[in-house]
Amino acid sequence: MNLKQSTVVVLSFGPFVDKTDGVTLEVGLVSAIDHATTGIMLSKNGGTLAVRSAAVTASTYDAHGCYKVTLSTTDTNTIGILRVIYTDATTCLPVWQDFHVLAANVYDSLFGAATDKLDVNVEEWNATAVPAEHTAGYPIVTVKDGTGTGEINTNAGAIALVDLVTTLTTYTGNTVQTGDSFARIGATGSGLTTLATAAALATVQADTDDIQTRLPAALTAGGNIKADALAFSGDTVAADNAEAFFDGTGYAGTNNVIPTVTTVTGAVGSVAGSVAGSVASVTGAVGSVTAAVTVGTISAGVITAASIATGAITAAKFGSGAIDAAALATDAANEIADALLDRTDAIETAITPRLAMRYIAAACAGKLSGAGTATEVFDGCGVSTDRITATVDSSGNRTAITLG
């Protein structure tokens, strides 16, 4: 039986029969054959018998006196004959079996699912060492040309070589071509006379050279071409007016005022100068305004707490009179007051200014019940809501407070 080198294998080892009658099957030898020192012994390729590797799966009884015995990768690591033997003169007759351990590629080539191939490298040819490969996978081969035995006729079935000549004269079935009969550029009668002449090509080259001399002066540092628009649709005044508009000097004509900006839909980074006209609406973001801006009205919901970054509005950023009562909506003052009164943790944790004022008013001007008892209750000022419930001791000291 063949085994694969360095591979775990389960053997059917047996049969084990009684030492006395040689017939009775021995079925209770698992502990004995797996014993660490006296169990199954191995001889690897004629070597000294030694106990089977301890790192194995425990053997199990199968049937007919045979046991399923596991050999580890250590047990099968030596190529050659592997003898497996067990003897115990007090219990059973000796049991042994020989196996042939094959190299992994040989075993897979013979018994595997075509997962490997046998090594068939040629070391000698007719008692002569084979030369080294010329290229990986391609041996050096000398071919003897000829028609004799063992020779290869390279002309058989091949096209005979063509003799090259300096001047093409006549080839069977063709007419010799000479002079302008060839289809060269500019040749008369060749159908190519309409192609550009040397003079026309020279003109094109001159124009190209002229453009190349102008380009460097027109290029910006970023590699873009700059141009001076002298006229729009033939109108030089329109070009001058466009220049005046963009450089801020106004139109060159009688109406020299920059027109009113009705709508800005993009984002405005900053306004460094003054806006002389009026802006109907701004739907984008304004980065900063360093000059004066007179605001007519601000639509509802345009400015909210969520739209103003922390520290965006401080007293230092507003000039004197920048915001007055006339410029605020009717309910703007109430909204500002409510925001202040309901500011979270403004007085203490979870105590807003509004709550603090309620508790002060209740303690100072609210109705009191339970005075002189262990529990005193203060109602809100002008309401019957319990604002302060105090637990007091015999000296009138407050030991616990419940706020409502």
Protein backbone atom coordinates (compact mmCIF):
# COMPACT_ATOMS: atom_id res chain seq x y z
CA MET A 1 0.00 0.00 0.00
CA ASN A 2 1.27 3.47 -0.93
CA LEU A 3 1.21 6.46 1.42
CA LYS A 4 1.79 10.18 0.72
CA GLN A 5 4.85 11.67 2.42
CA SER A 6 4.23 13.91 5.46
CA THR A 7 0.47 13.40 5.30
CA VAL A 8 -1.93 12.24 8.01
CA VAL A 9 -3.50 8.88 7.12
CA VAL A 10 -5.96 6.53 8.85
CA LEU A 11 -5.09 2.80 8.47
CA SER A 12 -7.21 -0.29 8.94
CA PHE A 13 -4.66 -2.24 11.04
CA GLY A 14 -5.20 -5.91 11.95
CA PRO A 15 -6.65 -8.44 12.39
CA PHE A 16 -5.68 -9.03 16.04
CA VAL A 17 -6.31 -12.62 17.24
CA ASP A 18 -5.79 -14.41 20.55
CA LYS A 19 -2.27 -15.68 21.22
CA THR A 20 -3.54 -19.09 22.37
CA ASP A 21 -6.01 -20.29 19.75
CA GLY A 22 -5.04 -17.86 16.95
CA VAL A 23 -8.75 -17.47 16.08
CA THR A 24 -10.55 -15.46 18.74
CA LEU A 25 -10.63 -11.75 17.78
CA GLU A 26 -9.12 -9.28 20.23
CA VAL A 27 -11.47 -6.27 20.44
CA GLY A 28 -10.23 -4.37 23.50
CA LEU A 29 -6.69 -3.31 22.61
CA VAL A 30 -7.14 0.46 22.01
CA SER A 31 -5.22 1.47 25.13
CA ALA A 32 -2.50 -1.07 24.43
CA ILE A 33 -1.81 -0.12 20.80
CA ASP A 34 -1.92 3.63 21.66
CA HIS A 35 0.46 3.27 24.64
CA ALA A 36 3.14 6.00 24.59
CA THR A 37 6.06 3.56 25.04
CA THR A 38 4.84 0.03 24.25
CA GLY A 39 2.19 0.77 21.63
CA ILE A 40 2.47 0.51 17.84
CA MET A 41 6.08 0.74 16.60
CA LEU A 42 7.37 2.11 13.28
CA SER A 43 10.47 1.42 11.17
CA LYS A 44 11.09 4.16 8.57
CA ASN A 45 12.89 2.92 5.46
CA GLY A 46 14.81 0.21 7.40
CA GLY A 47 15.49 2.38 10.43
CA THR A 48 15.34 1.30 14.08
CA LEU A 49 11.85 0.58 15.39
CA ALA A 50 10.44 3.44 17.46
CA VAL A 51 7.05 4.07 19.01
CA ARG A 52 4.48 5.82 16.86
CA SER A 53 4.16 9.63 17.24
CA ALA A 54 2.30 10.56 20.41
CA ALA A 55 0.51 13.47 18.73
CA VAL A 56 -2.11 11.33 17.01
CA THR A 57 -5.84 10.78 17.14
CA ALA A 58 -6.86 7.95 19.46
CA SER A 59 -7.39 4.62 17.71
CA THR A 60 -10.83 3.02 17.57
CA TYR A 61 -11.98 -0.57 17.12
CA ASP A 62 -13.55 -1.19 13.70
CA ALA A 63 -14.57 -4.81 13.04
CA HIS A 64 -13.17 -8.31 12.46
CA GLY A 65 -10.29 -7.67 14.84
CA CYS A 66 -9.14 -4.55 12.94
CA TYR A 67 -8.55 -1.10 14.41
CA LYS A 68 -8.61 2.36 12.79
CA VAL A 69 -5.11 3.69 13.49
CA THR A 70 -3.97 7.22 12.65
CA LEU A 71 -0.43 7.99 11.43
CA SER A 72 0.67 11.63 11.81
CA THR A 73 2.76 13.74 9.42
CA THR A 74 5.76 12.84 11.59
CA ASP A 75 5.08 9.12 11.14
CA THR A 76 4.98 9.46 7.31
CA ASN A 77 7.79 11.97 6.83
CA THR A 78 10.38 9.53 5.39
CA ILE A 79 10.28 8.23 1.80
CA GLY A 80 10.73 4.46 1.46
CA ILE A 81 9.35 1.36 3.19
CA LEU A 82 7.41 2.05 6.38
CA ARG A 83 6.81 -0.98 8.63
CA VAL A 84 3.97 -0.69 11.16
CA ILE A 85 4.08 -3.43 13.86
CA TYR A 86 2.52 -4.31 17.23
CA THR A 87 3.49 -7.21 19.50
CA ASP A 88 2.24 -8.30 22.92
CA ALA A 89 3.16 -11.91 23.76
CA THR A 90 0.69 -11.97 26.66
CA THR A 91 -2.37 -11.03 24.61
CA CYS A 92 -2.24 -11.53 20.83
CA LEU A 93 -0.20 -12.77 17.94
CA PRO A 94 2.12 -10.20 16.27
CA VAL A 95 0.48 -7.87 13.71
CA TRP A 96 2.49 -5.94 11.11
CA GLN A 97 2.03 -4.30 7.72
CA ASP A 98 4.48 -2.68 5.27
CA PHE A 99 3.72 0.55 3.36
CA HIS A 100 5.52 2.42 0.61
CA VAL A 101 5.85 6.18 1.37
CA LEU A 102 6.01 8.22 -1.87
CA ALA A 103 7.00 11.85 -2.45
CA ALA A 104 3.95 14.13 -2.51
CA ASN A 105 4.19 14.99 -6.23
CA VAL A 106 4.64 11.32 -7.17
CA TYR A 107 1.67 10.25 -5.05
CA ASP A 108 -0.54 13.02 -6.46
CA SER A 109 0.55 12.18 -10.01
CA LEU A 110 -0.36 8.49 -9.55
CA PHE A 111 -3.40 8.68 -7.27
CA GLY A 112 -4.48 12.33 -7.03
CA ALA A 113 -7.05 14.14 -9.19
CA ALA A 114 -4.43 15.24 -11.75
CA THR A 115 -3.12 17.81 -9.25
CA ASP A 116 0.55 17.17 -9.98
CA LYS A 117 2.89 15.70 -12.60
CA LEU A 118 5.82 13.35 -12.42
CA ASP A 119 9.25 14.97 -12.67
CA VAL A 120 10.64 13.95 -16.10
CA ASN A 121 13.56 16.35 -16.45
CA VAL A 122 16.14 15.00 -18.95
CA GLU A 123 19.65 14.96 -17.47
CA GLU A 124 21.43 12.99 -20.26
CA TRP A 125 20.83 12.17 -23.90
CA ASN A 126 22.57 9.04 -25.21
CA ALA A 127 24.97 9.08 -22.23
CA THR A 128 25.81 12.77 -22.88
CA ALA A 129 24.80 15.55 -20.49
CA VAL A 130 22.03 17.74 -21.88
CA PRO A 131 23.17 21.41 -22.24
CA ALA A 132 21.51 24.15 -20.23
CA GLU A 133 18.33 25.74 -21.56
CA HIS A 134 18.68 28.64 -23.97
CA THR A 135 15.46 30.20 -22.59
CA ALA A 136 13.32 28.83 -19.77
CA GLY A 137 11.39 25.89 -21.19
CA TYR A 138 13.24 25.90 -24.54
CA PRO A 139 16.22 23.54 -24.90
CA ILE A 140 19.18 24.16 -27.21
CA VAL A 141 18.73 21.96 -30.29
CA THR A 142 21.07 21.54 -33.26
CA VAL A 143 19.26 20.74 -36.52
CA LYS A 144 21.18 19.12 -39.37
CA ASP A 145 19.94 20.36 -42.74
CA GLY A 146 19.87 17.96 -45.64
CA THR A 147 17.97 15.14 -47.34
CA GLY A 148 19.79 12.18 -45.82
CA THR A 149 18.85 9.92 -42.90
CA GLY A 150 18.35 11.89 -39.68
CA GLU A 151 18.53 15.21 -41.53
CA ILE A 152 15.82 17.85 -41.98
CA ASN A 153 15.24 19.37 -45.42
CA THR A 154 14.36 23.02 -44.61
CA ASN A 155 13.44 23.70 -48.25
CA ALA A 156 10.76 21.02 -48.43
CA GLY A 157 7.35 22.70 -48.51
CA ALA A 158 8.92 26.16 -48.10
CA ILE A 159 8.96 29.21 -50.40
CA ALA A 160 12.27 29.63 -52.16
CA LEU A 161 14.19 32.75 -51.24
CA VAL A 162 13.73 35.81 -53.49
CA ASP A 163 16.88 37.46 -54.79
CA LEU A 164 16.89 41.17 -54.09
CA VAL A 165 18.12 43.49 -56.89
CA THR A 166 19.15 47.12 -56.95
CA THR A 167 16.85 48.05 -59.86
CA LEU A 168 13.37 46.62 -60.30
CA THR A 169 13.07 45.58 -63.94
CA THR A 170 10.41 43.12 -65.02
CA TYR A 171 8.54 40.67 -62.87
CA THR A 172 6.34 38.05 -64.51
CA GLY A 173 2.91 39.52 -65.23
CA ASN A 174 3.90 43.16 -64.47
CA THR A 175 5.10 46.18 -66.43
CA VAL A 176 8.26 48.05 -65.52
CA GLN A 177 7.50 51.46 -63.93
CA THR A 178 9.88 54.35 -64.64
CA GLY A 179 10.05 58.13 -64.20
CA ASP A 180 6.77 59.91 -63.35
CA SER A 181 4.77 56.77 -63.93
CA PHE A 182 5.17 56.24 -60.18
CA ALA A 183 2.43 57.75 -58.00
CA ARG A 184 4.63 60.34 -56.31
CA ILE A 185 3.41 63.66 -54.96
CA GLY A 186 3.26 66.29 -57.72
CA ALA A 187 3.71 63.78 -60.55
CA THR A 188 1.81 64.69 -63.74
CA GLY A 189 -1.10 62.41 -64.52
CA SER A 190 -0.90 60.68 -61.19
CA GLY A 191 -4.04 62.33 -59.79
CA LEU A 192 -2.01 64.08 -57.08
CA THR A 193 -1.30 67.39 -58.86
CA THR A 194 -3.86 69.23 -56.70
CA LEU A 195 -1.81 68.76 -53.54
CA ALA A 196 -0.08 71.79 -52.00
CA THR A 197 2.97 73.05 -53.83
CA ALA A 198 6.20 73.95 -52.13
CA ALA A 199 5.31 77.66 -52.34
CA ALA A 200 1.93 77.10 -50.62
CA LEU A 201 3.57 75.09 -47.85
CA ALA A 202 6.11 77.88 -47.36
CA THR A 203 3.26 80.38 -46.86
CA VAL A 204 1.68 78.17 -44.21
CA GLN A 205 5.04 77.84 -42.46
CA ALA A 206 5.51 81.63 -42.46
CA ASP A 207 2.09 82.18 -40.88
CA THR A 208 2.83 79.56 -38.25
CA ASP A 209 6.14 81.21 -37.40
CA ASP A 210 4.38 84.58 -37.02
CA ILE A 211 1.83 83.11 -34.58
CA GLN A 212 4.59 81.51 -32.54
CA THR A 213 6.34 84.89 -32.14
CA ARG A 214 3.13 86.50 -30.84
CA LEU A 215 2.07 83.79 -28.38
CA PRO A 216 4.70 84.29 -25.62
CA ALA A 217 3.72 87.97 -25.17
CA ALA A 218 0.03 87.05 -24.87
CA LEU A 219 0.52 84.33 -22.27
CA THR A 220 -0.08 85.03 -18.58
CA ALA A 221 2.00 83.58 -15.75
CA GLY A 222 -0.58 80.79 -15.42
CA GLY A 223 -0.23 79.85 -19.09
CA ASN A 224 -3.52 81.48 -20.22
CA ILE A 225 -3.83 83.71 -23.26
CA LYS A 226 -4.78 87.34 -22.53
CA ALA A 227 -6.56 89.41 -25.15
CA ASP A 228 -7.59 93.07 -25.53
CA ALA A 229 -11.23 93.35 -26.67
CA LEU A 230 -11.22 96.41 -28.92
CA ALA A 231 -14.85 96.09 -29.98
CA PHE A 232 -18.03 94.09 -29.29
CA SER A 233 -19.80 93.11 -32.52
CA GLY A 234 -17.85 95.89 -34.23
CA ASP A 235 -18.84 98.51 -31.60
CA THR A 236 -15.77 100.07 -29.96
CA VAL A 237 -17.90 102.20 -27.58
CA ALA A 238 -19.50 99.03 -26.17
CA ALA A 239 -16.04 97.67 -25.39
CA ASP A 240 -15.07 100.94 -23.64
CA ASN A 241 -18.31 100.93 -21.61
CA ALA A 242 -17.68 97.32 -20.51
CA GLU A 243 -14.19 98.25 -19.35
CA ALA A 244 -15.56 101.28 -17.40
CA PHE A 245 -18.22 99.11 -15.79
CA PHE A 246 -15.80 96.49 -14.55
CA ASP A 247 -13.10 98.89 -13.30
CA GLY A 248 -15.74 100.95 -11.36
CA THR A 249 -15.40 104.26 -13.25
CA GLY A 250 -18.90 104.18 -14.77
CA TYR A 251 -20.07 104.28 -18.35
CA ALA A 252 -18.37 106.55 -20.85
CA GLY A 253 -21.76 107.84 -22.12
CA THR A 254 -24.30 110.21 -20.57
CA ASN A 255 -25.70 107.54 -18.22
CA ASN A 256 -22.50 106.94 -16.30
CA VAL A 257 -24.08 105.48 -13.12
CA ILE A 258 -23.55 101.82 -12.36
CA PRO A 259 -27.07 100.29 -12.41
CA THR A 260 -28.91 99.02 -9.36
CA VAL A 261 -28.24 95.41 -8.40
CA THR A 262 -31.67 93.82 -8.08
CA THR A 263 -30.77 90.28 -7.05
CA VAL A 264 -27.62 88.46 -5.95
CA THR A 265 -28.10 84.68 -6.15
CA GLY A 266 -24.53 83.54 -5.56
CA ALA A 267 -22.25 83.93 -2.52
CA VAL A 268 -20.65 87.33 -1.88
CA GLY A 269 -17.18 86.97 -0.35
CA SER A 270 -16.75 90.55 0.89
CA VAL A 271 -17.74 94.15 0.09
CA ALA A 272 -14.75 96.42 0.72
CA GLY A 273 -16.22 99.63 -0.67
CA SER A 274 -19.63 101.25 -0.48
CA VAL A 275 -22.71 99.98 -2.31
CA ALA A 276 -24.02 103.21 -3.90
CA GLY A 277 -27.17 101.69 -5.34
CA SER A 278 -29.56 99.33 -3.68
CA VAL A 279 -29.68 95.56 -3.42
CA ALA A 280 -33.15 94.13 -3.71
CA SER A 281 -32.29 90.73 -2.25
CA VAL A 282 -29.34 88.51 -1.40
CA THR A 283 -30.04 84.77 -1.45
CA GLY A 284 -26.45 83.63 -1.06
CA ALA A 285 -23.98 84.20 1.78
CA VAL A 286 -22.16 87.50 2.42
CA GLY A 287 -18.67 87.01 3.84
CA SER A 288 -18.12 90.50 5.27
CA VAL A 289 -19.23 94.10 4.74
CA THR A 290 -16.69 96.74 5.74
CA ALA A 291 -18.60 99.82 4.57
CA ALA A 292 -22.01 101.13 5.58
CA VAL A 293 -25.12 99.17 4.57
CA THR A 294 -28.59 100.62 5.04
CA VAL A 295 -31.12 97.80 5.42
CA GLY A 296 -34.72 98.40 4.42
CA THR A 297 -36.38 95.24 5.70
CA ILE A 298 -35.37 91.71 6.62
CA SER A 299 -37.89 89.02 5.77
CA ALA A 300 -39.25 86.75 8.50
CA GLY A 301 -37.10 83.71 9.24
CA VAL A 302 -34.08 85.08 7.38
CA ILE A 303 -32.01 85.49 10.55
CA THR A 304 -32.29 82.68 13.10
CA ALA A 305 -30.12 81.54 15.98
CA ALA A 306 -29.01 78.51 13.96
CA SER A 307 -27.82 80.74 11.09
CA ILE A 308 -25.53 82.86 13.29
CA ALA A 309 -22.18 81.36 14.32
CA THR A 310 -20.94 81.66 17.90
CA GLY A 311 -19.34 85.08 18.39
CA ALA A 312 -20.56 86.32 15.00
CA ILE A 313 -22.45 89.21 16.59
CA THR A 314 -20.69 91.26 19.29
CA ALA A 315 -21.12 94.83 20.51
CA ALA A 316 -17.82 95.80 18.91
CA LYS A 317 -19.12 94.85 15.47
CA PHE A 318 -22.02 97.36 15.55
CA GLY A 319 -21.59 101.12 15.17
CA SER A 320 -23.50 103.58 17.30
CA GLY A 321 -27.17 103.51 16.29
CA ALA A 322 -26.65 100.58 13.90
CA ILE A 323 -29.72 98.87 15.32
CA ASP A 324 -32.56 100.94 16.79
CA ALA A 325 -36.16 100.25 17.74
CA ALA A 326 -37.47 101.66 14.47
CA ALA A 327 -35.47 99.12 12.50
CA LEU A 328 -36.85 96.14 14.42
CA ALA A 329 -40.10 94.32 13.76
CA THR A 330 -42.91 94.71 16.32
CA ASP A 331 -42.21 91.38 18.02
CA ALA A 332 -38.41 91.55 17.71
CA ALA A 333 -37.98 93.04 21.22
CA ASN A 334 -40.14 90.30 22.73
CA GLU A 335 -38.15 87.60 20.96
CA ILE A 336 -34.89 89.04 22.22
CA ALA A 337 -36.29 89.29 25.77
CA ASP A 338 -37.61 85.73 25.66
CA ALA A 339 -34.24 84.45 24.43
CA LEU A 340 -32.56 86.11 27.41
CA LEU A 341 -35.16 85.01 29.98
CA ASP A 342 -35.07 81.38 28.81
CA ARG A 343 -31.31 81.06 28.45
CA THR A 344 -30.37 77.58 29.74
CA ASP A 345 -28.24 77.41 32.91
CA ALA A 346 -27.91 81.22 32.96
CA ILE A 347 -28.34 81.41 36.78
CA GLU A 348 -27.63 77.88 38.00
CA THR A 349 -27.78 74.45 36.40
CA ALA A 350 -31.31 74.09 34.96
CA ILE A 351 -32.25 77.57 36.30
CA THR A 352 -33.06 80.18 33.65
CA PRO A 353 -33.52 83.91 34.43
CA ARG A 354 -37.29 83.47 34.01
CA LEU A 355 -37.45 80.66 36.60
CA ALA A 356 -35.17 82.53 39.00
CA MET A 357 -37.43 85.60 38.86
CA ARG A 358 -40.52 83.43 39.50
CA TYR A 359 -38.93 81.90 42.60
CA ILE A 360 -37.82 85.32 43.91
CA ALA A 361 -41.30 86.77 43.37
CA ALA A 362 -42.92 83.77 45.12
CA ALA A 363 -40.62 84.07 48.13
CA CYS A 364 -41.07 87.84 48.40
CA ALA A 365 -44.67 88.49 47.34
CA GLY A 366 -46.44 85.13 47.04
CA LYS A 367 -48.93 83.59 49.41
CA LEU A 368 -47.44 81.41 52.19
CA SER A 369 -49.10 78.37 53.77
CA GLY A 370 -47.87 76.04 56.53
CA ALA A 371 -45.85 78.74 58.30
CA GLY A 372 -44.46 77.45 61.61
CA THR A 373 -44.89 73.82 60.54
CA ALA A 374 -42.37 71.41 59.08
CA THR A 375 -43.52 72.22 55.51
CA GLU A 376 -43.94 75.77 54.16
CA VAL A 377 -45.40 76.37 50.65
CA PHE A 378 -44.98 79.62 48.67
CA ASP A 379 -47.38 80.27 45.77
CA GLY A 380 -46.41 82.20 42.69
CA CYS A 381 -46.97 85.94 42.66
CA GLY A 382 -50.61 86.44 41.71
CA VAL A 383 -51.16 82.74 40.88
CA SER A 384 -52.04 79.65 42.92
CA THR A 385 -49.17 77.55 41.54
CA ASP A 386 -46.81 76.16 44.21
CA ARG A 387 -43.40 77.61 43.35
CA ILE A 388 -41.41 76.75 46.49
CA THR A 389 -42.07 73.85 48.89
CA ALA A 390 -39.63 74.04 51.82
CA THR A 391 -38.97 71.50 54.56
CA VAL A 392 -37.93 73.34 57.74
CA ASP A 393 -36.69 72.30 61.19
CA SER A 394 -37.80 73.59 64.60
CA SER A 395 -35.54 76.62 64.21
CA GLY A 396 -37.06 77.54 60.87
CA ASN A 397 -34.00 76.47 58.85
CA ARG A 398 -34.75 75.10 55.37
CA THR A 399 -33.44 71.56 55.03
CA ALA A 400 -34.95 70.68 51.65
CA ILE A 401 -36.44 72.66 48.73
CA THR A 402 -38.76 71.55 45.91
CA LEU A 403 -39.21 74.07 43.07
CA GLY A 404 -42.27 74.16 40.86
